[in-house]
Protein backbone atom coordinates (compact mmCIF):
# COMPACT_ATOMS: atom_id res chain seq x y z
CA LYS A 1 87.21 100.77 85.44
CA GLN A 2 90.09 98.17 85.13
CA TRP A 3 91.01 95.53 87.62
CA TYR A 4 94.54 94.21 87.90
CA GLN A 5 95.89 91.40 90.28
CA ARG A 6 99.42 92.06 90.86
CA ARG A 7 102.16 88.89 91.52
CA VAL A 8 104.15 89.34 94.71
CA ARG A 9 106.99 87.41 95.92
CA GLY A 10 105.82 85.47 99.02
CA GLY A 11 102.54 84.72 97.15
CA GLY A 12 102.98 81.40 96.71
CA GLY A 13 104.87 79.06 95.08
CA GLU A 14 103.65 78.92 92.13
CA TYR A 15 107.18 80.37 90.97
CA GLY A 16 109.27 77.84 93.00
CA ASP A 17 110.52 78.24 96.89
CA GLU A 18 112.54 80.89 96.13
CA TRP A 19 110.50 83.50 95.04
CA HIS A 20 108.31 82.69 98.12
CA HIS A 21 111.44 82.63 100.74
CA GLY A 22 111.68 85.88 99.12
CA GLY A 23 108.61 87.33 100.70
CA SER A 24 108.83 85.40 104.40
CA LEU A 25 110.54 85.72 107.75
CA ALA A 26 113.10 88.85 107.21
CA ASN A 27 112.58 89.33 104.11
CA LYS A 28 108.11 90.58 104.37
CA GLN A 29 108.60 94.49 103.86
CA LYS A 30 109.74 92.69 100.55
CA VAL A 31 106.34 91.81 99.23
CA PHE A 32 105.03 95.11 100.89
CA ASP A 33 107.16 96.60 98.77
CA ASP A 34 106.06 95.30 95.24
CA PHE A 35 102.39 96.56 95.82
CA ILE A 36 103.67 100.22 96.43
CA ALA A 37 105.60 99.50 93.58
CA ALA A 38 102.51 98.02 91.80
CA GLY A 39 101.01 100.80 92.54
CA GLU A 40 103.41 103.64 91.56
CA ALA A 41 103.60 101.93 88.37
CA LEU A 42 99.67 101.95 87.23
CA VAL A 43 99.86 106.11 88.54
CA SER A 44 103.45 106.44 86.94
CA LYS A 45 101.74 105.47 83.60
CA GLY A 46 98.86 106.84 83.36
CA TYR A 47 96.53 104.47 84.52
CA THR A 48 94.96 105.41 87.61
CA SER A 49 96.10 107.65 89.96
CA PRO A 50 95.98 107.87 93.56
CA ASN A 51 92.56 110.12 93.93
CA LYS A 52 90.89 106.42 91.93
CA LEU A 53 93.11 103.36 92.98
CA ALA A 54 91.66 100.50 95.87
CA ILE A 55 92.87 97.79 96.99
CA GLU A 56 91.75 94.65 98.10
CA GLY A 57 92.86 91.66 99.73
CA GLY A 58 91.91 88.84 101.86
CA SER A 59 93.63 87.49 105.44
CA ASN A 60 97.31 86.58 104.44
CA GLY A 61 96.45 89.58 101.65
CA GLY A 62 94.61 90.82 104.23
CA LEU A 63 97.64 91.50 106.35
CA LEU A 64 99.00 92.71 102.71
CA VAL A 65 96.71 95.68 101.77
CA ALA A 66 96.59 96.83 105.42
CA ALA A 67 100.02 97.68 105.80
CA CYS A 68 100.08 99.02 102.21
CA ALA A 69 97.64 101.15 103.50
CA ASN A 70 99.69 101.61 106.82
CA GLN A 71 102.92 102.96 104.61
CA ARG A 72 101.68 104.64 101.73
CA PRO A 73 97.93 106.01 102.61
CA ASP A 74 98.48 109.09 99.50
CA LEU A 75 99.42 106.48 97.62
CA PHE A 76 95.54 105.18 97.79
CA LYS A 77 91.27 105.63 97.70
CA ALA A 78 90.11 102.53 99.49
CA VAL A 79 91.21 100.05 101.07
CA VAL A 80 89.30 96.95 101.05
CA CYS A 81 90.61 94.09 104.37
CA HIS A 82 89.11 90.62 104.15
CA VAL A 83 89.55 88.47 107.32
CA GLY A 84 93.48 89.86 107.66
CA VAL A 85 96.27 88.91 109.83
CA LEU A 86 96.67 92.37 111.56
CA ASP A 87 98.21 92.08 115.19
CA MET A 88 101.85 90.14 114.35
CA TYR A 89 102.24 90.80 118.54
CA ARG A 90 99.55 88.07 119.08
CA PHE A 91 98.13 85.93 116.39
CA HIS A 92 99.96 83.19 116.43
CA LYS A 93 98.37 82.77 120.14
CA PHE A 94 94.75 81.86 119.15
CA THR A 95 93.95 78.72 117.51
CA ILE A 96 96.14 77.76 114.14
CA GLY A 97 98.14 81.03 113.83
CA HIS A 98 101.09 79.02 115.96
CA ALA A 99 101.15 77.52 111.81
CA TRP A 100 101.83 81.06 110.64
CA CYS A 101 105.99 81.35 112.31
CA THR A 102 106.58 78.89 109.83
CA GLU A 103 105.50 82.47 106.90
CA PHE A 104 106.12 85.45 109.75
CA GLY A 105 108.52 83.90 112.36
CA ASN A 106 107.90 84.16 116.36
CA PRO A 107 106.49 86.88 117.74
CA ASP A 108 107.90 85.79 121.37
CA GLU A 109 111.57 85.62 119.93
CA LYS A 110 113.01 89.18 119.52
CA GLU A 111 114.99 89.28 116.42
CA HIS A 112 111.55 87.77 115.07
CA PHE A 113 109.40 90.16 116.85
CA ASP A 114 111.88 92.75 115.37
CA TRP A 115 111.24 92.09 112.26
CA MET A 116 107.31 92.39 112.71
CA ARG A 117 106.72 95.65 114.78
CA LYS A 118 108.39 97.24 111.64
CA TYR A 119 105.23 96.81 109.66
CA SER A 120 102.50 94.41 112.00
CA PRO A 121 98.64 96.52 110.33
CA LEU A 122 97.80 97.16 114.68
CA HIS A 123 100.93 98.59 115.58
CA THR A 124 101.71 101.06 112.05
CA ILE A 125 98.65 102.78 112.26
CA PRO A 126 100.12 106.56 112.11
CA GLU A 127 98.78 109.44 114.10
CA ARG A 128 97.21 111.81 111.68
CA GLY A 129 97.23 112.16 108.68
CA CYS A 130 95.78 110.86 105.13
CA TYR A 131 94.33 107.72 105.12
CA PRO A 132 92.63 105.32 102.67
CA SER A 133 88.78 105.12 103.05
CA THR A 134 88.95 100.92 104.99
CA LEU A 135 86.42 98.67 105.12
CA LEU A 136 87.10 95.45 106.79
CA LEU A 137 85.01 92.96 107.01
CA THR A 138 84.93 89.86 109.69
CA GLY A 139 82.80 86.60 110.31
CA ASP A 140 82.11 86.24 113.63
CA HIS A 141 82.49 82.62 114.05
CA ASP A 142 86.45 82.79 112.06
CA ASP A 143 87.80 80.46 113.66
CA ARG A 144 91.40 80.73 111.02
CA VAL A 145 92.07 84.45 111.89
CA VAL A 146 90.21 84.96 114.73
CA PRO A 147 87.66 88.58 114.02
CA LEU A 148 89.83 89.93 116.86
CA HIS A 149 92.10 91.21 114.18
CA SER A 150 89.84 93.09 112.43
CA LEU A 151 88.30 94.75 115.35
CA LYS A 152 90.36 95.46 117.15
CA PHE A 153 92.07 96.86 114.34
CA ILE A 154 89.11 99.22 113.59
CA ALA A 155 89.09 100.48 117.23
CA THR A 156 92.09 101.49 117.02
CA LEU A 157 92.20 103.29 113.22
CA GLN A 158 89.13 104.57 114.47
CA LYS A 159 90.49 105.94 117.94
CA LYS A 160 93.83 107.46 116.15
CA LEU A 161 92.35 108.57 113.15
CA GLY A 162 88.70 109.34 113.67
CA SER A 163 88.77 112.93 114.30
CA HIS A 164 91.76 114.02 111.59
CA THR A 165 90.03 112.21 108.77
CA GLU A 166 86.91 112.81 106.28
CA SER A 167 87.54 109.18 104.99
CA PRO A 168 85.26 106.87 106.12
CA LEU A 169 86.83 104.01 108.44
CA LEU A 170 84.04 100.83 108.79
CA ILE A 171 83.49 97.36 109.56
CA ARG A 172 81.54 94.87 108.20
CA VAL A 173 80.95 91.74 110.47
CA ASP A 174 79.12 88.37 109.62
CA THR A 175 77.06 86.75 111.67
CA LYS A 176 76.97 82.74 111.55
CA SER A 177 80.31 83.00 109.43
CA GLY A 178 83.54 81.93 109.09
CA HIS A 179 86.87 82.36 107.16
CA GLY A 180 84.92 82.65 104.07
CA ALA A 181 84.87 79.16 102.13
CA GLY A 182 81.20 77.65 102.81
CA LYS A 183 79.80 80.92 102.83
CA PRO A 184 75.90 80.05 100.83
CA THR A 185 75.60 81.94 97.51
CA SER A 186 72.47 84.60 99.19
CA LYS A 187 75.84 85.78 101.87
CA ARG A 188 78.28 86.12 98.94
CA LEU A 189 76.43 87.90 96.86
CA GLN A 190 75.25 89.83 100.23
CA GLU A 191 78.51 90.71 100.66
CA VAL A 192 79.87 91.08 97.14
CA SER A 193 77.88 93.92 96.63
CA ASP A 194 78.50 95.76 99.45
CA VAL A 195 81.95 95.53 99.26
CA MET A 196 81.65 97.04 95.01
CA ALA A 197 78.84 99.42 96.68
CA PHE A 198 81.35 101.20 98.81
CA VAL A 199 84.12 100.94 96.66
CA ALA A 200 82.41 102.80 94.11
CA ARG A 201 81.09 105.92 96.18
CA GLN A 202 84.86 106.20 97.07
CA LEU A 203 86.31 105.94 93.92
CA GLY A 204 83.48 108.39 92.49
CA ALA A 205 82.14 105.97 89.81
CA GLU A 206 79.46 105.60 87.81
CA TRP A 207 76.69 102.74 87.57
CA THR A 208 76.36 102.68 83.70
CA PRO A 209 72.62 100.72 82.38
């Protein structure tokens, strides 16, 4: 199996301020467009097919993969979303979420809210139809991206699509755990094992000794 890492606009400052700002605030949708285009390219060039394509992201990257799953559920077979920012209407009301307004905007301002309501993962889940197999991961003591993002998202996802899809819609809540930094090796190994087993099962991968 092959792994690909895609650099999308807004992903950081490694390509300069223009690159970063090209994927923030009113331009946030361009990040999802870039990522979806990368998936389409992998399929069109014959590297994979939608039934063999899994995506994974964490924190802001969790927002990325969840938004892309909502917008193009037909393109991906499996989604792994770690500690994602998924409620774009209320993210700024908890812990340090207010600091992210420079990246996403302030939902209390109508113009900014209008940007976010078009891609907020919690609020753009399809009503029916196909949807990728989904595994959310969060920590019950995460004080950066509080667990309510993942908990509300999986509850809404199961309510809307649980009876319309055979794809598993799951959440893994790690106890006595935060956003990820400082997690002991034993917990990291358990998490990676669960994620790899989930992806392998959904893609029909076979382990080779």
